[in-house]
Amino acid sequence: MDAIVAKPYGLDQLKKDAYHLEATELEKLIFPLLCQVLNKYHGVNYGKRYWQILLGHWLQRYVNVILNHVKTLDKLLKNHVI
């Protein structure tokens, strides 16, 4: 198979720091909206602390994985002809 393996995204410390900051800001934007949607869907009025305990770690992991995939694909499409 004639293929090129692309280098992974964000291995140096500066990119890791910028990536972490971007992921944190994205979580801060998404979390209040997620709380509203979940409260409305379930017909409850739980506070952000409740949802943070229940879903906080999951949301953090999810945002990090999705952001990493997006950044990797963006770098791939910029640097290689597909």
Protein backbone atom coordinates (compact mmCIF):
# COMPACT_ATOMS: atom_id res chain seq x y z
CA MET A 1 0.00 0.00 0.00
CA ASP A 2 1.40 3.38 -0.99
CA ALA A 3 0.55 5.59 1.99
CA ILE A 4 2.03 8.33 4.14
CA VAL A 5 1.52 8.26 7.89
CA ALA A 6 0.90 11.78 9.17
CA LYS A 7 2.59 12.99 12.33
CA PRO A 8 0.30 13.33 15.36
CA TYR A 9 -1.06 16.72 16.35
CA GLY A 10 0.20 18.71 19.32
CA LEU A 11 3.25 16.94 20.67
CA ASP A 12 5.19 20.03 21.75
CA GLN A 13 4.39 21.76 25.03
CA LEU A 14 3.23 25.07 23.49
CA LYS A 15 0.63 23.30 21.38
CA LYS A 16 -0.48 21.22 24.36
CA ASP A 17 -0.99 24.36 26.45
CA ALA A 18 -2.92 26.15 23.69
CA TYR A 19 -4.95 23.00 23.06
CA HIS A 20 -5.85 22.68 26.74
CA LEU A 21 -6.91 26.33 26.92
CA GLU A 22 -9.08 25.97 23.81
CA ALA A 23 -10.70 22.79 25.14
CA THR A 24 -11.44 24.47 28.49
CA GLU A 25 -13.04 27.48 26.79
CA LEU A 26 -15.13 25.20 24.60
CA GLU A 27 -16.33 23.27 27.66
CA LYS A 28 -17.32 26.55 29.34
CA LEU A 29 -19.45 27.42 26.30
CA ILE A 30 -21.07 24.02 25.94
CA PHE A 31 -21.77 23.14 29.58
CA PRO A 32 -24.50 25.73 30.39
CA LEU A 33 -26.32 24.85 27.16
CA LEU A 34 -26.07 21.16 27.95
CA CYS A 35 -27.54 21.79 31.43
CA GLN A 36 -30.50 23.66 29.97
CA VAL A 37 -31.19 20.99 27.38
CA LEU A 38 -30.96 18.15 29.89
CA ASN A 39 -33.18 19.91 32.43
CA LYS A 40 -35.80 20.60 29.76
CA TYR A 41 -35.63 17.08 28.35
CA HIS A 42 -36.00 15.43 31.77
CA GLY A 43 -38.51 17.97 33.10
CA VAL A 44 -36.33 18.87 36.08
CA ASN A 45 -34.53 21.96 37.34
CA TYR A 46 -31.18 20.68 38.59
CA GLY A 47 -28.34 23.11 39.08
CA LYS A 48 -25.05 23.20 37.23
CA ARG A 49 -23.31 21.53 40.18
CA TYR A 50 -25.55 18.47 39.82
CA TRP A 51 -24.79 18.14 36.13
CA GLN A 52 -21.08 18.83 36.75
CA ILE A 53 -20.89 15.91 39.18
CA LEU A 54 -22.86 13.65 36.87
CA LEU A 55 -21.40 14.60 33.47
CA GLY A 56 -18.37 16.83 34.03
CA HIS A 57 -15.67 14.24 33.42
CA TRP A 58 -17.49 12.76 30.43
CA LEU A 59 -17.88 16.20 28.83
CA GLN A 60 -14.23 17.02 29.39
CA ARG A 61 -13.10 13.76 27.76
CA TYR A 62 -15.59 14.14 24.90
CA VAL A 63 -14.51 17.71 24.11
CA ASN A 64 -10.84 16.73 24.23
CA VAL A 65 -11.31 13.78 21.88
CA ILE A 66 -13.44 15.68 19.37
CA LEU A 67 -11.11 18.71 19.42
CA ASN A 68 -8.10 16.46 18.91
CA HIS A 69 -9.74 14.77 15.93
CA VAL A 70 -10.70 18.11 14.39
CA LYS A 71 -7.19 19.53 14.84
CA THR A 72 -5.59 16.38 13.47
CA LEU A 73 -7.83 16.37 10.39
CA ASP A 74 -7.25 20.10 9.85
CA LYS A 75 -3.48 19.62 9.96
CA LEU A 76 -3.73 16.59 7.70
CA LEU A 77 -5.81 18.41 5.07
CA LYS A 78 -3.49 21.43 5.10
CA ASN A 79 -0.29 19.41 4.75
CA HIS A 80 -1.27 16.54 2.46
CA VAL A 81 -3.14 16.07 -0.79
CA ILE A 82 -5.90 13.51 -0.44
